[in-house]
């Protein structure tokens, strides 16, 4: 069978592709920029844009499983094309789908849940370890990390662990109708994350706490929509208990312990040096 990975060039999508390839699956990676794609040998790379559902028709040909994202790269808002995407997938013969869920019941989630697809929702903590890459330039140039709400705690997750759970759910039976909450194995504050990076590069990094308005303005400059900004700021200002409660889902689904932040940093230390 062929498995289609949407958002394949993203932080999570790349890991879904890698994990499926390692499991010996036939993988089709969908991206809006196939010419710039860099995937493992044997991966079929195709063009597709989730905001333009008809562009998925060639990508879905012969596909029986699909990893689906729910947000648009334009402003990071929820995709509005869920019903069209799901209809195309079902018409193409897709049977099983994993959904990288944002936690909001948007058009994609509603359409998938109402369908006859064997769906699995993956709900990771909003804080991915790869988000620390946003600090890379300021660490290299100034030795500084600037963020609001320094005391905010979260059990951030390695994107590769999301990829592992997605691959398991797409390949193996028993995951249909499940909603998997996914976290990393530890709870950290921002200063603790900074100290982990500092130890890895052997250089002191200073933490500067931003005001809420400074943080909002920075997100606006990065192109985020106001509702997305409100969600992110609200989550950091008053994170729900689930954000800093470690759950064993990764190990339960994959049989392997979730990776910690020090592991992620060791894999990506070159970005900060």
Protein backbone atom coordinates (compact mmCIF):
# COMPACT_ATOMS: atom_id res chain seq x y z
CA UNK A 1 0.00 0.00 0.00
CA UNK A 2 1.04 3.63 -0.50
CA UNK A 3 0.88 6.09 2.39
CA UNK A 4 0.57 9.80 1.63
CA UNK A 5 2.18 12.24 4.06
CA UNK A 6 0.86 15.79 3.82
CA UNK A 7 2.98 18.59 5.24
CA UNK A 8 5.89 16.27 4.50
CA UNK A 9 8.49 19.03 4.54
CA UNK A 10 7.48 20.20 8.03
CA UNK A 11 9.13 19.40 11.35
CA UNK A 12 6.73 16.53 12.05
CA UNK A 13 6.04 15.46 8.47
CA UNK A 14 9.69 14.67 7.79
CA UNK A 15 9.76 12.34 10.75
CA UNK A 16 6.55 10.62 9.67
CA UNK A 17 8.18 9.99 6.27
CA UNK A 18 11.39 8.71 7.88
CA UNK A 19 9.59 6.36 10.27
CA UNK A 20 7.42 4.92 7.50
CA UNK A 21 10.45 4.37 5.27
CA UNK A 22 12.29 2.63 8.09
CA UNK A 23 9.27 0.37 8.51
CA UNK A 24 9.51 -0.62 4.85
CA UNK A 25 6.41 1.24 3.69
CA UNK A 26 5.84 2.80 0.27
CA UNK A 27 5.71 6.54 0.97
CA UNK A 28 4.48 9.49 -1.07
CA UNK A 29 5.55 12.84 0.35
CA UNK A 30 3.35 15.80 -0.54
CA UNK A 31 4.73 19.32 -0.51
CA UNK A 32 4.06 22.64 -2.21
CA UNK A 33 7.73 22.79 -3.24
CA UNK A 34 8.78 19.40 -4.62
CA UNK A 35 11.88 20.86 -6.29
CA UNK A 36 13.30 21.77 -2.87
CA UNK A 37 12.41 18.47 -1.22
CA UNK A 38 15.08 16.31 0.39
CA UNK A 39 13.69 12.94 1.42
CA UNK A 40 15.14 9.45 1.83
CA UNK A 41 15.80 7.40 -1.27
CA UNK A 42 12.70 5.67 -2.58
CA UNK A 43 10.24 8.30 -1.37
CA UNK A 44 7.94 9.57 -4.12
CA UNK A 45 7.66 13.36 -3.94
CA UNK A 46 4.53 15.02 -5.32
CA UNK A 47 3.01 18.49 -5.43
CA UNK A 48 -0.11 19.27 -3.43
CA UNK A 49 -1.68 22.20 -1.60
CA UNK A 50 -4.25 21.47 1.10
CA UNK A 51 -5.85 24.88 0.57
CA UNK A 52 -6.53 23.84 -3.03
CA UNK A 53 -8.21 20.44 -2.64
CA UNK A 54 -8.30 19.58 -6.35
CA UNK A 55 -4.48 19.60 -6.35
CA UNK A 56 -4.62 16.47 -4.17
CA UNK A 57 -6.27 14.29 -6.83
CA UNK A 58 -3.00 13.04 -8.41
CA UNK A 59 -1.33 12.72 -4.99
CA UNK A 60 -4.15 10.49 -3.70
CA UNK A 61 -4.06 8.04 -6.58
CA UNK A 62 -3.50 4.53 -5.19
CA UNK A 63 -3.21 5.75 -1.58
CA UNK A 64 -4.69 3.66 1.24
CA UNK A 65 -3.28 5.54 4.25
CA UNK A 66 -2.70 9.24 4.86
CA UNK A 67 -1.11 11.50 7.45
CA UNK A 68 -3.04 14.76 7.51
CA UNK A 69 -2.24 18.16 8.98
CA UNK A 70 -5.03 20.53 9.99
CA UNK A 71 -3.50 23.98 9.64
CA UNK A 72 -2.49 26.28 6.84
CA UNK A 73 1.06 27.51 6.40
CA UNK A 74 -0.46 30.91 5.63
CA UNK A 75 -0.87 32.53 9.06
CA UNK A 76 -0.94 29.10 10.77
CA UNK A 77 -4.73 29.17 10.96
CA UNK A 78 -7.00 26.10 10.70
CA UNK A 79 -7.58 24.67 7.23
CA UNK A 80 -11.07 25.40 5.94
CA UNK A 81 -11.01 22.68 3.27
CA UNK A 82 -11.56 19.64 5.49
CA UNK A 83 -14.80 18.39 3.90
CA UNK A 84 -13.33 18.55 0.38
CA UNK A 85 -10.10 16.80 1.43
CA UNK A 86 -11.96 14.00 3.20
CA UNK A 87 -14.32 13.46 0.27
CA UNK A 88 -11.39 13.21 -2.15
CA UNK A 89 -9.57 10.81 0.16
CA UNK A 90 -12.56 8.51 0.49
CA UNK A 91 -13.21 8.56 -3.26
CA UNK A 92 -9.57 7.60 -3.83
CA UNK A 93 -9.85 4.56 -1.55
CA UNK A 94 -8.03 5.87 1.53
CA UNK A 95 -8.97 3.73 4.52
CA UNK A 96 -6.74 4.86 7.39
CA UNK A 97 -5.71 8.39 8.41
CA UNK A 98 -3.75 10.02 11.19
CA UNK A 99 -4.56 13.63 11.98
CA UNK A 100 -2.02 15.97 13.56
CA UNK A 101 -4.57 17.63 15.78
CA UNK A 102 -4.16 21.16 17.14
CA UNK A 103 -6.65 20.51 19.93
CA UNK A 104 -9.32 22.61 18.23
CA UNK A 105 -12.33 21.00 16.61
CA UNK A 106 -11.84 22.61 13.20
CA UNK A 107 -13.14 21.78 9.71
CA UNK A 108 -10.61 19.01 9.10
CA UNK A 109 -11.23 17.30 12.45
CA UNK A 110 -15.00 17.53 12.04
CA UNK A 111 -14.93 16.10 8.51
CA UNK A 112 -12.60 13.23 9.44
CA UNK A 113 -14.58 12.28 12.54
CA UNK A 114 -17.85 12.28 10.61
CA UNK A 115 -16.43 10.03 7.88
CA UNK A 116 -16.06 6.28 7.63
CA UNK A 117 -12.26 6.56 7.65
CA UNK A 118 -10.28 4.69 10.30
CA UNK A 119 -8.96 7.82 11.97
CA UNK A 120 -6.49 8.42 14.77
CA UNK A 121 -6.05 11.91 16.23
CA UNK A 122 -2.57 12.80 17.44
CA UNK A 123 -2.70 15.60 19.99
CA UNK A 124 0.84 16.55 21.00
CA UNK A 125 1.58 19.24 23.52
CA UNK A 126 1.75 22.51 21.53
CA UNK A 127 5.40 22.93 22.50
CA UNK A 128 7.66 20.92 20.19
CA UNK A 129 11.37 20.60 21.00
CA UNK A 130 12.10 21.87 17.49
CA UNK A 131 10.53 25.21 18.47
CA UNK A 132 13.86 25.91 20.17
CA UNK A 133 15.33 26.42 16.70
CA UNK A 134 13.68 29.85 16.82
CA UNK A 135 16.38 30.73 19.37
CA UNK A 136 19.29 29.58 17.21
CA UNK A 137 20.19 32.89 15.57
CA UNK A 138 20.00 34.95 18.77
CA UNK A 139 22.08 32.32 20.59
CA UNK A 140 24.75 32.30 17.89
CA UNK A 141 24.86 36.08 17.45
CA UNK A 142 24.18 37.38 20.95
CA UNK A 143 24.15 34.48 23.39
CA UNK A 144 20.59 35.45 24.35
CA UNK A 145 17.15 33.81 24.45
CA UNK A 146 14.16 36.19 24.70
CA UNK A 147 10.74 34.81 25.60
CA UNK A 148 7.73 35.75 27.75
CA UNK A 149 6.53 33.75 30.77
CA UNK A 150 9.86 32.22 31.70
CA UNK A 151 8.33 30.19 34.51
CA UNK A 152 5.78 28.52 32.24
CA UNK A 153 6.17 24.73 32.35
CA UNK A 154 5.60 22.21 29.57
CA UNK A 155 6.34 18.61 28.71
CA UNK A 156 7.51 19.38 25.18
CA UNK A 157 7.81 16.57 22.68
CA UNK A 158 10.41 15.52 20.12
CA UNK A 159 8.82 15.67 16.62
CA UNK A 160 10.35 12.26 15.88
CA UNK A 161 8.17 10.76 18.60
CA UNK A 162 5.06 12.19 16.93
CA UNK A 163 6.32 10.66 13.70
CA UNK A 164 6.78 7.29 15.39
CA UNK A 165 3.25 7.27 16.78
CA UNK A 166 1.81 8.35 13.41
CA UNK A 167 3.69 5.59 11.60
CA UNK A 168 2.54 2.97 14.11
CA UNK A 169 -1.09 4.06 13.79
CA UNK A 170 -0.93 4.03 9.98
CA UNK A 171 0.72 0.64 9.72
CA UNK A 172 -0.80 -1.35 12.56
CA UNK A 173 -4.43 -2.15 13.45
CA UNK A 174 -6.02 -1.20 16.74
CA UNK A 175 -5.72 2.59 16.61
CA UNK A 176 -8.97 3.55 14.89
CA UNK A 177 -11.09 6.06 16.80
CA UNK A 178 -8.32 6.83 19.28
CA UNK A 179 -7.21 10.28 20.42
CA UNK A 180 -3.59 10.12 21.57
CA UNK A 181 -2.26 12.83 23.86
CA UNK A 182 1.50 13.02 23.30
CA UNK A 183 4.17 14.55 25.54
CA UNK A 184 7.86 14.29 26.17
CA UNK A 185 9.25 12.51 29.24
CA UNK A 186 10.03 15.58 31.38
CA UNK A 187 8.68 18.97 32.43
CA UNK A 188 10.92 22.01 31.88
CA UNK A 189 10.78 25.78 32.23
CA UNK A 190 12.34 28.05 29.61
CA UNK A 191 15.46 28.80 31.72
CA UNK A 192 15.97 25.04 32.16
CA UNK A 193 15.81 24.54 28.40
CA UNK A 194 18.30 27.37 27.93
CA UNK A 195 20.68 25.79 30.42
CA UNK A 196 20.47 22.48 28.53
CA UNK A 197 21.49 24.19 25.29
CA UNK A 198 24.19 26.16 27.11
CA UNK A 199 25.71 22.96 28.49
CA UNK A 200 25.67 21.35 25.03
CA UNK A 201 27.52 24.21 23.32
CA UNK A 202 29.80 25.01 26.25
CA UNK A 203 28.84 28.66 26.31
CA UNK A 204 26.73 30.79 28.66
CA UNK A 205 23.35 31.87 27.30
CA UNK A 206 21.43 34.72 28.92
CA UNK A 207 17.64 34.53 29.28
CA UNK A 208 15.67 37.77 28.82
CA UNK A 209 11.98 37.74 29.72
CA UNK A 210 9.75 39.62 27.28
CA UNK A 211 6.52 41.38 28.16
CA UNK A 212 3.33 39.95 26.70
CA UNK A 213 3.00 42.83 24.22
CA UNK A 214 6.58 42.39 23.05
CA UNK A 215 5.85 38.72 22.43
CA UNK A 216 2.65 39.52 20.53
CA UNK A 217 4.40 42.02 18.30
CA UNK A 218 7.16 39.55 17.48
CA UNK A 219 4.58 36.96 16.42
CA UNK A 220 2.81 39.51 14.22
CA UNK A 221 6.07 40.25 12.44
CA UNK A 222 6.45 36.50 11.81
CA UNK A 223 3.06 36.47 10.08
CA UNK A 224 0.89 34.79 12.72
CA UNK A 225 -2.86 35.49 12.74
CA UNK A 226 -4.35 37.25 15.77
CA UNK A 227 -6.36 34.20 16.86
CA UNK A 228 -3.21 32.09 16.71
CA UNK A 229 -1.33 34.71 18.72
CA UNK A 230 -4.09 34.73 21.33
CA UNK A 231 -3.94 30.94 21.62
CA UNK A 232 -0.14 30.79 21.96
CA UNK A 233 0.06 33.65 24.44
CA UNK A 234 -2.84 32.29 26.46
CA UNK A 235 -1.31 28.83 26.55
CA UNK A 236 2.04 30.14 27.84
CA UNK A 237 0.47 32.60 30.29
CA UNK A 238 -1.78 29.98 31.84
CA UNK A 239 -0.95 26.53 30.50
CA UNK A 240 -3.51 23.80 31.14
CA UNK A 241 -2.47 21.02 33.46
CA UNK A 242 -2.24 18.68 30.46
CA UNK A 243 0.60 20.80 29.06
CA UNK A 244 2.90 19.95 31.97
CA UNK A 245 1.64 16.46 32.78
CA UNK A 246 3.81 13.70 31.34
CA UNK A 247 1.88 10.83 29.78
CA UNK A 248 3.36 7.50 28.59
CA UNK A 249 1.52 7.36 25.24
CA UNK A 250 4.64 7.38 23.06
CA UNK A 251 6.05 4.33 24.81
CA UNK A 252 2.68 2.58 24.93
CA UNK A 253 2.12 2.95 21.18
CA UNK A 254 5.67 2.51 19.89
CA UNK A 255 7.31 0.37 22.58
CA UNK A 256 10.10 2.91 22.96
CA UNK A 257 10.62 5.65 25.54
CA UNK A 258 10.02 9.23 24.46
CA UNK A 259 13.17 11.24 23.73
CA UNK A 260 14.17 13.98 26.19
CA UNK A 261 15.25 17.54 25.39
CA UNK A 262 18.94 16.84 25.91
CA UNK A 263 18.71 14.19 23.18
CA UNK A 264 17.05 16.63 20.80
CA UNK A 265 19.72 19.25 21.54
CA UNK A 266 22.54 16.77 20.90
CA UNK A 267 21.02 16.01 17.50
CA UNK A 268 20.69 19.69 16.62
CA UNK A 269 23.58 21.30 18.45
CA UNK A 270 25.15 22.56 15.20
CA UNK A 271 22.28 25.04 14.83
CA UNK A 272 23.31 26.83 18.03
CA UNK A 273 27.10 26.87 17.73
